[in-house]
Amino acid sequence: AYIRVCNKSGACSESASTYIRIDKTAPSCGSVTGASTTWTNQDRYISQGCNDSGSGCSATSFNKTFTTEGVTDKISISDKVGNTNTCTVNKYIDKTNPTCISSGGSSTETVDAVTIIGTCSDNLSGCTGNVSKTLTSDMNQQVSPGTVKDNAGNYSDEVVLHFMIDWTAPNCVSSGGSSNATIGPVTITGIC
């Protein structure tokens, strides 16, 4: 482009050439550090790089600490003339404990072994598995099947169930019998 400067009286300078650079292109997303597809229950600090062949990026990197749950999030980048772009990054944050639903308990007395199961449920990172416990001894108490965990390291509070198991044979004392022969009726009483 050529530029000529004139004053109010109309006197003008000679034309001079100059370069005018116009940048209307948004920067592109560069390399990322700190992002991950491994679940965490902590905040995640992510640094997003920037590429711009026009005016250049307004910063070497654009950094953000993510504190909210989710799989992906956004970081905005910009160049020196104000063009912007939004970059998607992997944050994989899950701060919520899983839930545990216990089954197998009963307030009815039994003489059989009982297996209680804690079924895990987690809507974000998923569960590492369910838990179970088999009870084989006498008891009349609250029992938990264990603690369930999710893939981000969160765990549930134990859920307890009531059990009544009686494996002990009753003691019985009998009376009324005799070692002598008899021809009449005999009453024998057994007391437990």
N, C-alpha and C. Protein backbone atom coordinates (compact mmCIF):
# COMPACT_ATOMS: atom_id res chain seq x y z
N ALA A 1 0.86 -1.17 0.00
CA ALA A 1 0.00 0.00 0.00
C ALA A 1 0.90 1.22 0.00
N TYR A 2 0.38 2.31 -0.62
CA TYR A 2 1.13 3.56 -0.67
C TYR A 2 0.42 4.59 0.18
N ILE A 3 1.24 5.41 0.90
CA ILE A 3 0.69 6.41 1.80
C ILE A 3 1.31 7.76 1.44
N ARG A 4 0.45 8.80 1.41
CA ARG A 4 0.91 10.17 1.19
C ARG A 4 0.26 11.04 2.24
N VAL A 5 1.05 11.93 2.88
CA VAL A 5 0.55 12.80 3.95
C VAL A 5 0.44 14.21 3.42
N CYS A 6 -0.73 14.84 3.71
CA CYS A 6 -0.96 16.22 3.27
C CYS A 6 -1.31 17.09 4.47
N ASN A 7 -0.93 18.40 4.40
CA ASN A 7 -1.32 19.33 5.46
C ASN A 7 -2.56 20.10 5.03
N LYS A 8 -3.03 21.07 5.88
CA LYS A 8 -4.27 21.79 5.60
C LYS A 8 -4.16 22.72 4.39
N SER A 9 -2.97 23.13 4.08
CA SER A 9 -2.83 24.02 2.93
C SER A 9 -2.71 23.26 1.62
N GLY A 10 -2.70 21.93 1.69
CA GLY A 10 -2.70 21.12 0.48
C GLY A 10 -1.35 20.63 0.06
N ALA A 11 -0.31 21.01 0.78
CA ALA A 11 1.02 20.51 0.45
C ALA A 11 1.11 19.05 0.90
N CYS A 12 1.58 18.18 0.01
CA CYS A 12 1.63 16.73 0.31
C CYS A 12 3.05 16.20 0.15
N SER A 13 3.30 15.18 0.89
CA SER A 13 4.59 14.50 0.79
C SER A 13 4.56 13.58 -0.41
N GLU A 14 5.73 13.09 -0.75
CA GLU A 14 5.79 12.10 -1.80
C GLU A 14 5.19 10.79 -1.27
N SER A 15 4.68 9.98 -2.15
CA SER A 15 4.10 8.70 -1.74
C SER A 15 5.18 7.76 -1.25
N ALA A 16 4.85 7.03 -0.20
CA ALA A 16 5.78 6.04 0.36
C ALA A 16 5.04 4.71 0.48
N SER A 17 5.77 3.66 0.24
CA SER A 17 5.13 2.35 0.33
C SER A 17 5.28 1.79 1.73
N THR A 18 4.29 1.05 2.15
CA THR A 18 4.33 0.38 3.46
C THR A 18 3.54 -0.91 3.36
N TYR A 19 3.79 -1.79 4.30
CA TYR A 19 3.06 -3.06 4.33
C TYR A 19 1.97 -3.01 5.39
N ILE A 20 0.80 -3.45 5.03
CA ILE A 20 -0.29 -3.57 5.99
C ILE A 20 -0.65 -5.05 6.06
N ARG A 21 -0.56 -5.59 7.26
CA ARG A 21 -0.87 -7.01 7.45
C ARG A 21 -2.25 -7.12 8.08
N ILE A 22 -3.08 -7.95 7.50
CA ILE A 22 -4.43 -8.20 8.02
C ILE A 22 -4.52 -9.66 8.41
N ASP A 23 -5.00 -9.89 9.65
CA ASP A 23 -5.14 -11.25 10.16
C ASP A 23 -6.58 -11.44 10.60
N LYS A 24 -7.33 -12.23 9.84
CA LYS A 24 -8.72 -12.54 10.19
C LYS A 24 -8.90 -14.02 10.54
N THR A 25 -7.77 -14.74 10.65
CA THR A 25 -7.82 -16.18 10.88
C THR A 25 -7.62 -16.48 12.37
N ALA A 26 -8.49 -17.31 12.89
CA ALA A 26 -8.38 -17.70 14.30
C ALA A 26 -7.15 -18.56 14.52
N PRO A 27 -6.53 -18.48 15.69
CA PRO A 27 -5.40 -19.36 15.97
C PRO A 27 -5.87 -20.80 16.09
N SER A 28 -4.94 -21.73 15.96
CA SER A 28 -5.28 -23.15 16.11
C SER A 28 -4.78 -23.67 17.44
N CYS A 29 -5.42 -24.73 17.90
CA CYS A 29 -5.06 -25.34 19.19
C CYS A 29 -3.75 -26.11 19.05
N GLY A 30 -2.81 -25.82 19.93
CA GLY A 30 -1.51 -26.48 19.91
C GLY A 30 -1.47 -27.66 20.86
N SER A 31 -0.27 -27.96 21.33
CA SER A 31 -0.08 -29.11 22.22
C SER A 31 -0.67 -28.81 23.61
N VAL A 32 -1.02 -29.89 24.30
CA VAL A 32 -1.67 -29.78 25.61
C VAL A 32 -0.84 -30.53 26.65
N THR A 33 -0.68 -29.94 27.83
CA THR A 33 -0.05 -30.63 28.95
C THR A 33 -1.01 -30.59 30.14
N GLY A 34 -0.99 -31.65 30.92
CA GLY A 34 -1.84 -31.73 32.11
C GLY A 34 -3.17 -32.41 31.89
N ALA A 35 -3.61 -32.53 30.65
CA ALA A 35 -4.87 -33.23 30.35
C ALA A 35 -4.65 -34.73 30.47
N SER A 36 -5.74 -35.47 30.74
CA SER A 36 -5.60 -36.91 30.91
C SER A 36 -6.94 -37.60 30.72
N THR A 37 -6.87 -38.87 30.34
CA THR A 37 -8.08 -39.70 30.28
C THR A 37 -8.11 -40.68 31.46
N THR A 38 -7.23 -40.46 32.45
CA THR A 38 -7.25 -41.21 33.70
C THR A 38 -8.07 -40.43 34.72
N TRP A 39 -9.03 -41.10 35.34
CA TRP A 39 -9.93 -40.41 36.27
C TRP A 39 -9.19 -39.95 37.52
N THR A 40 -9.62 -38.80 38.04
CA THR A 40 -9.10 -38.26 39.29
C THR A 40 -10.26 -37.68 40.10
N ASN A 41 -10.06 -37.58 41.42
CA ASN A 41 -11.04 -36.90 42.26
C ASN A 41 -10.48 -35.57 42.77
N GLN A 42 -9.41 -35.10 42.10
CA GLN A 42 -8.76 -33.83 42.45
C GLN A 42 -8.97 -32.82 41.31
N ASP A 43 -8.66 -31.54 41.59
CA ASP A 43 -8.67 -30.52 40.54
C ASP A 43 -7.57 -30.87 39.53
N ARG A 44 -7.75 -30.40 38.27
CA ARG A 44 -6.75 -30.69 37.24
C ARG A 44 -6.31 -29.39 36.56
N TYR A 45 -4.98 -29.15 36.53
CA TYR A 45 -4.39 -27.98 35.90
C TYR A 45 -3.96 -28.36 34.48
N ILE A 46 -4.49 -27.64 33.49
CA ILE A 46 -4.21 -27.96 32.08
C ILE A 46 -3.68 -26.73 31.37
N SER A 47 -2.65 -26.95 30.55
CA SER A 47 -2.03 -25.88 29.77
C SER A 47 -2.25 -26.17 28.28
N GLN A 48 -2.88 -25.23 27.58
CA GLN A 48 -3.19 -25.38 26.16
C GLN A 48 -2.26 -24.50 25.32
N GLY A 49 -1.55 -25.12 24.38
CA GLY A 49 -0.68 -24.38 23.48
C GLY A 49 -1.49 -23.70 22.37
N CYS A 50 -0.81 -22.80 21.64
CA CYS A 50 -1.47 -21.99 20.61
C CYS A 50 -0.56 -21.89 19.39
N ASN A 51 -1.16 -21.94 18.19
CA ASN A 51 -0.43 -21.74 16.93
C ASN A 51 -1.14 -20.67 16.12
N ASP A 52 -0.37 -19.69 15.61
CA ASP A 52 -0.96 -18.64 14.76
C ASP A 52 0.12 -18.11 13.82
N SER A 53 -0.07 -18.30 12.52
CA SER A 53 0.94 -17.88 11.54
C SER A 53 0.74 -16.45 11.08
N GLY A 54 -0.32 -15.79 11.56
CA GLY A 54 -0.57 -14.40 11.18
C GLY A 54 0.05 -13.45 12.18
N SER A 55 -0.75 -12.89 13.05
CA SER A 55 -0.26 -11.92 14.03
C SER A 55 0.48 -12.59 15.19
N GLY A 56 0.32 -13.88 15.35
CA GLY A 56 0.94 -14.59 16.46
C GLY A 56 0.00 -14.69 17.65
N CYS A 57 0.22 -15.65 18.48
CA CYS A 57 -0.64 -15.86 19.65
C CYS A 57 -0.38 -14.78 20.70
N SER A 58 -1.41 -14.45 21.45
CA SER A 58 -1.28 -13.42 22.49
C SER A 58 -0.55 -13.93 23.72
N ALA A 59 -0.39 -15.26 23.84
CA ALA A 59 0.37 -15.85 24.94
C ALA A 59 0.99 -17.16 24.45
N THR A 60 2.04 -17.59 25.10
CA THR A 60 2.68 -18.84 24.73
C THR A 60 1.76 -20.02 25.01
N SER A 61 1.08 -19.97 26.16
CA SER A 61 0.11 -21.01 26.51
C SER A 61 -1.03 -20.38 27.30
N PHE A 62 -2.15 -21.08 27.31
CA PHE A 62 -3.34 -20.62 28.01
C PHE A 62 -3.67 -21.68 29.06
N ASN A 63 -3.66 -21.28 30.33
CA ASN A 63 -3.73 -22.22 31.43
C ASN A 63 -5.03 -22.07 32.20
N LYS A 64 -5.51 -23.21 32.74
CA LYS A 64 -6.75 -23.18 33.50
C LYS A 64 -6.75 -24.35 34.49
N THR A 65 -7.23 -24.08 35.71
CA THR A 65 -7.43 -25.13 36.70
C THR A 65 -8.90 -25.51 36.70
N PHE A 66 -9.19 -26.77 36.41
CA PHE A 66 -10.57 -27.25 36.37
C PHE A 66 -10.92 -27.86 37.72
N THR A 67 -12.07 -27.46 38.26
CA THR A 67 -12.49 -27.93 39.58
C THR A 67 -13.81 -28.70 39.53
N THR A 68 -14.53 -28.58 38.42
CA THR A 68 -15.84 -29.22 38.32
C THR A 68 -15.73 -30.59 37.64
N GLU A 69 -16.71 -31.43 37.92
CA GLU A 69 -16.72 -32.78 37.37
C GLU A 69 -17.01 -32.78 35.87
N GLY A 70 -16.54 -33.83 35.20
CA GLY A 70 -16.85 -34.01 33.79
C GLY A 70 -15.72 -34.71 33.06
N VAL A 71 -15.97 -34.99 31.79
CA VAL A 71 -15.00 -35.69 30.95
C VAL A 71 -14.15 -34.70 30.17
N THR A 72 -14.78 -33.73 29.51
CA THR A 72 -14.05 -32.73 28.73
C THR A 72 -14.48 -31.33 29.16
N ASP A 73 -13.66 -30.34 28.76
CA ASP A 73 -13.98 -28.93 29.04
C ASP A 73 -13.31 -28.09 27.96
N LYS A 74 -13.40 -26.77 28.09
CA LYS A 74 -12.90 -25.86 27.06
C LYS A 74 -11.87 -24.89 27.62
N ILE A 75 -10.89 -24.55 26.77
CA ILE A 75 -9.95 -23.46 27.04
C ILE A 75 -9.96 -22.55 25.82
N SER A 76 -10.12 -21.24 26.05
CA SER A 76 -10.13 -20.27 24.96
C SER A 76 -8.71 -19.74 24.73
N ILE A 77 -8.33 -19.64 23.44
CA ILE A 77 -7.03 -19.06 23.06
C ILE A 77 -7.28 -17.87 22.15
N SER A 78 -6.27 -17.00 21.99
CA SER A 78 -6.44 -15.80 21.16
C SER A 78 -5.12 -15.42 20.50
N ASP A 79 -5.22 -14.65 19.40
CA ASP A 79 -4.01 -14.12 18.77
C ASP A 79 -3.89 -12.64 19.12
N LYS A 80 -2.87 -11.97 18.58
CA LYS A 80 -2.54 -10.60 18.97
C LYS A 80 -3.52 -9.56 18.44
N VAL A 81 -4.38 -9.93 17.48
CA VAL A 81 -5.37 -8.96 16.99
C VAL A 81 -6.78 -9.30 17.47
N GLY A 82 -6.91 -10.28 18.35
CA GLY A 82 -8.21 -10.56 18.96
C GLY A 82 -8.99 -11.71 18.37
N ASN A 83 -8.46 -12.40 17.37
CA ASN A 83 -9.14 -13.61 16.88
C ASN A 83 -9.04 -14.68 17.97
N THR A 84 -10.12 -15.44 18.15
CA THR A 84 -10.15 -16.44 19.23
C THR A 84 -10.53 -17.82 18.69
N ASN A 85 -10.25 -18.81 19.49
CA ASN A 85 -10.64 -20.19 19.20
C ASN A 85 -10.87 -20.89 20.54
N THR A 86 -11.70 -21.92 20.53
CA THR A 86 -11.97 -22.69 21.74
C THR A 86 -11.45 -24.10 21.55
N CYS A 87 -10.62 -24.55 22.48
CA CYS A 87 -10.00 -25.87 22.41
C CYS A 87 -10.64 -26.80 23.44
N THR A 88 -10.94 -28.03 23.03
CA THR A 88 -11.51 -29.03 23.94
C THR A 88 -10.38 -29.84 24.56
N VAL A 89 -10.41 -29.98 25.89
CA VAL A 89 -9.37 -30.73 26.60
C VAL A 89 -10.02 -31.81 27.48
N ASN A 90 -9.29 -32.89 27.73
CA ASN A 90 -9.76 -33.98 28.60
C ASN A 90 -9.40 -33.67 30.04
N LYS A 91 -10.43 -33.60 30.91
CA LYS A 91 -10.15 -33.35 32.32
C LYS A 91 -10.46 -34.57 33.21
N TYR A 92 -11.44 -35.37 32.89
CA TYR A 92 -11.77 -36.62 33.60
C TYR A 92 -11.76 -36.43 35.13
N ILE A 93 -12.67 -35.62 35.64
CA ILE A 93 -12.77 -35.35 37.08
C ILE A 93 -14.09 -35.93 37.60
N ASP A 94 -13.99 -36.71 38.67
CA ASP A 94 -15.16 -37.27 39.36
C ASP A 94 -14.91 -37.14 40.85
N LYS A 95 -15.69 -36.27 41.53
CA LYS A 95 -15.51 -36.03 42.96
C LYS A 95 -16.67 -36.59 43.79
N THR A 96 -17.59 -37.29 43.16
CA THR A 96 -18.78 -37.79 43.85
C THR A 96 -18.60 -39.25 44.26
N ASN A 97 -18.93 -39.55 45.51
CA ASN A 97 -18.84 -40.94 45.98
C ASN A 97 -19.86 -41.81 45.25
N PRO A 98 -19.51 -43.07 44.98
CA PRO A 98 -20.50 -43.98 44.39
C PRO A 98 -21.55 -44.34 45.44
N THR A 99 -22.63 -44.92 45.00
CA THR A 99 -23.64 -45.40 45.94
C THR A 99 -23.55 -46.92 46.04
N CYS A 100 -24.00 -47.44 47.18
CA CYS A 100 -23.97 -48.88 47.42
C CYS A 100 -25.34 -49.33 47.89
N ILE A 101 -25.90 -50.29 47.20
CA ILE A 101 -27.18 -50.88 47.61
C ILE A 101 -26.88 -52.30 48.09
N SER A 102 -27.17 -52.54 49.36
CA SER A 102 -26.90 -53.86 49.94
C SER A 102 -28.13 -54.75 49.84
N SER A 103 -27.89 -56.03 49.62
CA SER A 103 -28.98 -56.99 49.55
C SER A 103 -28.56 -58.29 50.22
N GLY A 104 -29.55 -59.05 50.66
CA GLY A 104 -29.28 -60.35 51.28
C GLY A 104 -29.54 -60.40 52.77
N GLY A 105 -29.83 -59.26 53.38
CA GLY A 105 -30.08 -59.23 54.82
C GLY A 105 -31.49 -59.66 55.16
N SER A 106 -31.71 -60.02 56.43
CA SER A 106 -33.03 -60.44 56.89
C SER A 106 -33.09 -60.35 58.40
N SER A 107 -34.26 -60.01 58.91
CA SER A 107 -34.47 -60.03 60.36
C SER A 107 -35.03 -61.38 60.80
N THR A 108 -35.22 -62.30 59.84
CA THR A 108 -35.70 -63.66 60.15
C THR A 108 -34.51 -64.55 60.43
N GLU A 109 -34.60 -65.30 61.52
CA GLU A 109 -33.49 -66.18 61.90
C GLU A 109 -33.33 -67.32 60.91
N THR A 110 -32.08 -67.68 60.64
CA THR A 110 -31.78 -68.77 59.71
C THR A 110 -30.67 -69.64 60.27
N VAL A 111 -30.57 -70.84 59.76
CA VAL A 111 -29.48 -71.74 60.14
C VAL A 111 -28.52 -71.96 58.98
N ASP A 112 -28.72 -71.22 57.88
CA ASP A 112 -27.89 -71.37 56.69
C ASP A 112 -26.87 -70.24 56.61
N ALA A 113 -25.79 -70.49 55.86
CA ALA A 113 -24.84 -69.42 55.56
C ALA A 113 -25.55 -68.37 54.72
N VAL A 114 -25.20 -67.12 54.94
CA VAL A 114 -25.84 -66.01 54.23
C VAL A 114 -24.77 -65.18 53.54
N THR A 115 -24.99 -64.87 52.26
CA THR A 115 -24.08 -63.99 51.52
C THR A 115 -24.77 -62.66 51.30
N ILE A 116 -24.12 -61.58 51.74
CA ILE A 116 -24.65 -60.24 51.50
C ILE A 116 -23.83 -59.60 50.40
N ILE A 117 -24.49 -58.82 49.57
CA ILE A 117 -23.86 -58.22 48.40
C ILE A 117 -24.06 -56.72 48.45
N GLY A 118 -22.98 -55.98 48.20
CA GLY A 118 -23.04 -54.52 48.04
C GLY A 118 -22.88 -54.20 46.57
N THR A 119 -23.96 -53.73 45.94
CA THR A 119 -23.94 -53.41 44.51
C THR A 119 -23.60 -51.94 44.33
N CYS A 120 -22.54 -51.68 43.58
CA CYS A 120 -22.02 -50.32 43.37
C CYS A 120 -22.70 -49.65 42.17
N SER A 121 -22.92 -48.35 42.30
CA SER A 121 -23.46 -47.55 41.19
C SER A 121 -22.72 -46.22 41.14
N ASP A 122 -22.22 -45.85 39.95
CA ASP A 122 -21.50 -44.58 39.78
C ASP A 122 -21.75 -44.07 38.37
N ASN A 123 -22.27 -42.86 38.25
CA ASN A 123 -22.69 -42.34 36.94
C ASN A 123 -21.58 -41.69 36.13
N LEU A 124 -20.37 -41.51 36.70
CA LEU A 124 -19.34 -40.78 35.95
C LEU A 124 -18.14 -41.67 35.64
N SER A 125 -17.28 -41.93 36.61
CA SER A 125 -16.08 -42.72 36.32
C SER A 125 -16.35 -44.22 36.33
N GLY A 126 -17.48 -44.65 36.90
CA GLY A 126 -17.80 -46.08 36.96
C GLY A 126 -17.21 -46.74 38.19
N CYS A 127 -17.73 -47.89 38.54
CA CYS A 127 -17.31 -48.63 39.73
C CYS A 127 -16.16 -49.58 39.42
N THR A 128 -15.34 -49.83 40.44
CA THR A 128 -14.29 -50.83 40.29
C THR A 128 -14.86 -52.23 40.46
N GLY A 129 -16.06 -52.35 41.05
CA GLY A 129 -16.71 -53.65 41.21
C GLY A 129 -17.65 -53.65 42.41
N ASN A 130 -18.35 -54.75 42.59
CA ASN A 130 -19.23 -54.93 43.73
C ASN A 130 -18.47 -55.64 44.85
N VAL A 131 -19.05 -55.68 46.04
CA VAL A 131 -18.43 -56.37 47.17
C VAL A 131 -19.41 -57.37 47.75
N SER A 132 -18.89 -58.40 48.41
CA SER A 132 -19.77 -59.38 49.05
C SER A 132 -19.08 -59.95 50.28
N LYS A 133 -19.88 -60.50 51.18
CA LYS A 133 -19.36 -61.14 52.38
C LYS A 133 -20.29 -62.30 52.73
N THR A 134 -19.70 -63.48 53.01
CA THR A 134 -20.49 -64.64 53.42
C THR A 134 -20.37 -64.81 54.92
N LEU A 135 -21.52 -64.93 55.58
CA LEU A 135 -21.58 -65.05 57.04
C LEU A 135 -21.87 -66.49 57.40
N THR A 136 -21.03 -67.05 58.28
CA THR A 136 -21.16 -68.47 58.63
C THR A 136 -21.19 -68.72 60.12
N SER A 137 -21.23 -67.68 60.94
CA SER A 137 -21.22 -67.89 62.39
C SER A 137 -22.46 -67.26 63.02
N ASP A 138 -22.74 -67.66 64.25
CA ASP A 138 -23.89 -67.13 64.98
C ASP A 138 -23.78 -65.61 65.10
N MET A 139 -24.89 -64.94 64.88
CA MET A 139 -24.91 -63.50 65.07
C MET A 139 -26.34 -62.98 65.08
N ASN A 140 -26.49 -61.84 65.69
CA ASN A 140 -27.73 -61.08 65.66
C ASN A 140 -27.31 -59.63 65.71
N GLN A 141 -26.86 -59.10 64.56
CA GLN A 141 -26.26 -57.77 64.53
C GLN A 141 -26.29 -57.17 63.14
N GLN A 142 -25.83 -55.92 63.05
CA GLN A 142 -25.71 -55.21 61.78
C GLN A 142 -24.36 -55.58 61.14
N VAL A 143 -24.37 -55.86 59.84
CA VAL A 143 -23.15 -56.26 59.14
C VAL A 143 -23.10 -55.52 57.79
N SER A 144 -21.90 -55.13 57.37
CA SER A 144 -21.71 -54.48 56.08
C SER A 144 -21.03 -55.45 55.12
N PRO A 145 -21.41 -55.41 53.83
CA PRO A 145 -20.72 -56.26 52.85
C PRO A 145 -19.34 -55.72 52.48
N GLY A 146 -19.04 -54.46 52.85
CA GLY A 146 -17.75 -53.86 52.50
C GLY A 146 -17.93 -52.48 51.92
N THR A 147 -16.87 -51.92 51.37
CA THR A 147 -16.86 -50.57 50.81
C THR A 147 -16.71 -50.65 49.30
N VAL A 148 -17.55 -49.94 48.56
CA VAL A 148 -17.42 -49.91 47.10
C VAL A 148 -16.65 -48.65 46.68
N LYS A 149 -15.91 -48.76 45.58
CA LYS A 149 -15.08 -47.65 45.09
C LYS A 149 -15.37 -47.40 43.62
N ASP A 150 -15.11 -46.13 43.19
CA ASP A 150 -15.21 -45.83 41.76
C ASP A 150 -13.80 -45.70 41.19
N ASN A 151 -13.71 -45.47 39.88
CA ASN A 151 -12.42 -45.43 39.18
C ASN A 151 -11.62 -44.16 39.44
N ALA A 152 -12.22 -43.19 40.13
CA ALA A 152 -11.50 -41.97 40.48
C ALA A 152 -10.96 -42.01 41.90
N GLY A 153 -11.24 -43.09 42.64
CA GLY A 153 -10.75 -43.22 44.01
C GLY A 153 -11.74 -42.80 45.07
N ASN A 154 -12.96 -42.43 44.69
CA ASN A 154 -14.00 -42.13 45.67
C ASN A 154 -14.58 -43.44 46.19
N TYR A 155 -15.06 -43.45 47.42
CA TYR A 155 -15.63 -44.66 47.98
C TYR A 155 -16.89 -44.34 48.76
N SER A 156 -17.72 -45.35 48.93
CA SER A 156 -18.99 -45.16 49.62
C SER A 156 -18.84 -45.44 51.10
N ASP A 157 -19.73 -44.86 51.87
CA ASP A 157 -19.86 -45.25 53.26
C ASP A 157 -20.46 -46.65 53.27
N GLU A 158 -20.10 -47.43 54.27
CA GLU A 158 -20.60 -48.79 54.34
C GLU A 158 -22.10 -48.79 54.63
N VAL A 159 -22.82 -49.64 53.95
CA VAL A 159 -24.25 -49.84 54.19
C VAL A 159 -24.41 -51.13 54.97
N VAL A 160 -25.12 -51.07 56.11
CA VAL A 160 -25.22 -52.25 56.96
C VAL A 160 -26.60 -52.87 56.87
N LEU A 161 -26.65 -54.18 57.04
CA LEU A 161 -27.89 -54.95 57.06
C LEU A 161 -27.95 -55.74 58.35
N HIS A 162 -29.16 -56.09 58.78
CA HIS A 162 -29.32 -56.86 60.01
C HIS A 162 -29.40 -58.35 59.69
N PHE A 163 -28.74 -59.16 60.53
CA PHE A 163 -28.75 -60.61 60.33
C PHE A 163 -29.00 -61.32 61.64
N MET A 164 -29.73 -62.45 61.53
CA MET A 164 -29.93 -63.35 62.66
C MET A 164 -29.58 -64.76 62.17
N ILE A 165 -28.42 -65.26 62.59
CA ILE A 165 -27.99 -66.60 62.21
C ILE A 165 -27.75 -67.40 63.48
N ASP A 166 -28.34 -68.59 63.56
CA ASP A 166 -28.19 -69.45 64.73
C ASP A 166 -27.77 -70.83 64.26
N TRP A 167 -26.49 -71.14 64.44
CA TRP A 167 -25.96 -72.45 64.06
C TRP A 167 -25.72 -73.34 65.28
N THR A 168 -26.06 -72.85 66.46
CA THR A 168 -25.81 -73.62 67.67
C THR A 168 -27.01 -74.52 67.98
N ALA A 169 -26.74 -75.80 68.15
CA ALA A 169 -27.82 -76.75 68.46
C ALA A 169 -28.36 -76.46 69.85
N PRO A 170 -29.68 -76.61 70.05
CA PRO A 170 -30.24 -76.34 71.37
C PRO A 170 -29.84 -77.45 72.35
N ASN A 171 -29.80 -77.11 73.64
CA ASN A 171 -29.58 -78.11 74.70
C ASN A 171 -30.95 -78.59 75.17
N CYS A 172 -31.09 -79.89 75.35
CA CYS A 172 -32.38 -80.45 75.76
C CYS A 172 -32.16 -81.36 76.96
N VAL A 173 -32.96 -81.15 78.01
CA VAL A 173 -32.92 -82.00 79.20
C VAL A 173 -34.25 -82.72 79.29
N SER A 174 -34.20 -84.06 79.39
CA SER A 174 -35.46 -84.81 79.47
C SER A 174 -35.66 -85.34 80.89
N SER A 175 -36.94 -85.53 81.23
CA SER A 175 -37.27 -86.08 82.55
C SER A 175 -38.49 -86.98 82.43
N GLY A 176 -38.67 -87.89 83.40
CA GLY A 176 -39.84 -88.77 83.42
C GLY A 176 -39.55 -90.16 82.95
N GLY A 177 -38.38 -90.41 82.43
CA GLY A 177 -38.04 -91.75 81.97
C GLY A 177 -37.57 -92.63 83.12
N SER A 178 -37.45 -93.90 82.87
CA SER A 178 -37.00 -94.86 83.89
C SER A 178 -36.27 -96.00 83.20
N SER A 179 -35.30 -96.57 83.90
CA SER A 179 -34.61 -97.75 83.36
C SER A 179 -35.34 -99.04 83.73
N ASN A 180 -36.42 -98.93 84.50
CA ASN A 180 -37.22 -100.10 84.88
C ASN A 180 -38.36 -100.31 83.89
N ALA A 181 -38.73 -101.54 83.65
CA ALA A 181 -39.83 -101.86 82.74
C ALA A 181 -41.15 -101.47 83.41
N THR A 182 -42.09 -101.04 82.62
CA THR A 182 -43.41 -100.68 83.14
C THR A 182 -44.47 -101.09 82.12
N ILE A 183 -45.67 -101.30 82.59
CA ILE A 183 -46.74 -101.68 81.67
C ILE A 183 -47.76 -100.55 81.51
N GLY A 184 -47.59 -99.46 82.23
CA GLY A 184 -48.52 -98.34 82.13
C GLY A 184 -47.95 -97.21 81.27
N PRO A 185 -48.76 -96.18 81.07
CA PRO A 185 -48.27 -95.03 80.30
C PRO A 185 -47.17 -94.29 81.06
N VAL A 186 -46.24 -93.75 80.30
CA VAL A 186 -45.13 -92.99 80.89
C VAL A 186 -45.08 -91.63 80.18
N THR A 187 -44.94 -90.56 80.93
CA THR A 187 -44.81 -89.21 80.37
C THR A 187 -43.36 -88.78 80.45
N ILE A 188 -42.81 -88.44 79.30
CA ILE A 188 -41.42 -87.95 79.24
C ILE A 188 -41.46 -86.49 78.79
N THR A 189 -40.79 -85.64 79.48
CA THR A 189 -40.76 -84.20 79.17
C THR A 189 -39.36 -83.81 78.73
N GLY A 190 -39.30 -83.10 77.63
CA GLY A 190 -38.02 -82.56 77.15
C GLY A 190 -38.05 -81.04 77.27
N ILE A 191 -37.09 -80.47 77.98
CA ILE A 191 -37.02 -79.02 78.18
C ILE A 191 -35.78 -78.50 77.47
N CYS A 192 -35.99 -77.50 76.57
CA CYS A 192 -34.87 -76.91 75.82
C CYS A 192 -34.53 -75.56 76.41
